[in-house]
Amino acid sequence: MPDRRSVLVGAGAWGLLSAARAPQAYDAVVARPGAAAPGGRRYASLGEALGNAPRAAGRPFRVWLGQGSWREKLTVTASDVWITGEDRQRSVLQFDAAAGLPGPAGKPWGTSGSATLTVLAPGFRADTMTITNSFDPAGEGRRLSGQGPLGQQAVALMLAGDSDRAVLRDVDILGYQDTLFVDHGQAVFDGCLIAGTVDFVFGGGAALLRRCEVRSRVRPGGPTSGGFVAAPSTLRTQATGLVFERCRLTRERGVGDGAVFLGRPWRPTRSFAGQRYGDPEAAGMAAFLGCWMDAHIAPGGWTAMSYNGADAQRHWLQPEEVRFAEWKSTGPGAAGSHRGRVMTTAEARQLLASLPG
């Protein structure tokens, strides 16, 4: 694997990952009563702190999140909000909404509405914390308004709206179905853990997942039930989608050999002249570069995904019709005849040089 520092020189990268972590003085400190904390105005909840973030872009609004399980469902609407946790596993933001569960107005949350943390503004950063959707599809399935698997989508983190230049470092992002929704802008995930079952890294945004652990979890309904890591909906006009660089694709105990696909192409349903059907401009892009894969990865690597066509018929979008690629995959799951394209070293270097870092 080439050294990214040499690859990215002169590439116009953001340079955000090399920036220093937040200083010891903070604009907002979220901590339990009596808990030791750094200097800064104290708040009883993260939502209260975020409510005081200035709306006008300027310097970063730095938030320190102390240890504890903070059950809050939050939306970041201010630019340049930076959240630093006290402890990666003990500073936990969690909520348990799912697409099929009723929200405050009595209507189902829907996939987008289920997110524990939604970021709608540019310049967001988080490090040394956990963001989780704690919905339990096995224990809470009876509460769903849909039937069978419908309604189990439960997003932990969603990047949407005007989100751009988001950076998350040393963050655990946990859920089951649809854990991480990167739907807009560019984002970097460095040294993070992303865990889930079905389409748990998905969306139309551009994301670099660098040196992350991507952990497949056991799906409710059977210890060897299959899963899917990535479900990109990248538009044809967008060169880059979901890129996994030097990641480790791991599994929980109970996830069977060959049970999980690297990805499938998602074609979201949109409205066109009064009709609703799968967006024909969605031709997902995903690449795994220099990644280690355990034996739970399916021999075919990639698989198809269905969508509703303009003719009101159900169609299948095949991996060969979109932009799925690998480069120097290793590990027991790298064996087999993967359906995605194998990139050349020159192509991989070019792709890496185009990414933020």
Foldseek 3Di string as FASTA:
>chain_A
DDDLVVLQVVLPFPCVVVDDDDDQAAQEEADDPPDDHGDHHYDPAPQVLLVPDDQDDDEAHEYEAEFDEGEAQEERRHERYEYEYPAQEGREQEYAAWQQAQDPVGHGCHQVSQESYEYAYENYEYERYEFEHPHDCQVCVVRGPDDDPPGRRHERYAYDHHYEAYEYEHHEQDDAHQHYEDAAYEYEYYQYEQEYFAQPHEYAYAYEYEQYEDEYEQDPPALAAAYERHAYQHFPVDDGHAEYEQYEYYYDPSHDFQRYADHEYDFDWDDDPNDTWGDPRGFGAYEYENYEYERSYHQQRYAWDWIQDPVRDIDIDGQVRHHYEYENYHYNNVHHNHPHHYDDPVVVSVVSNNGHD
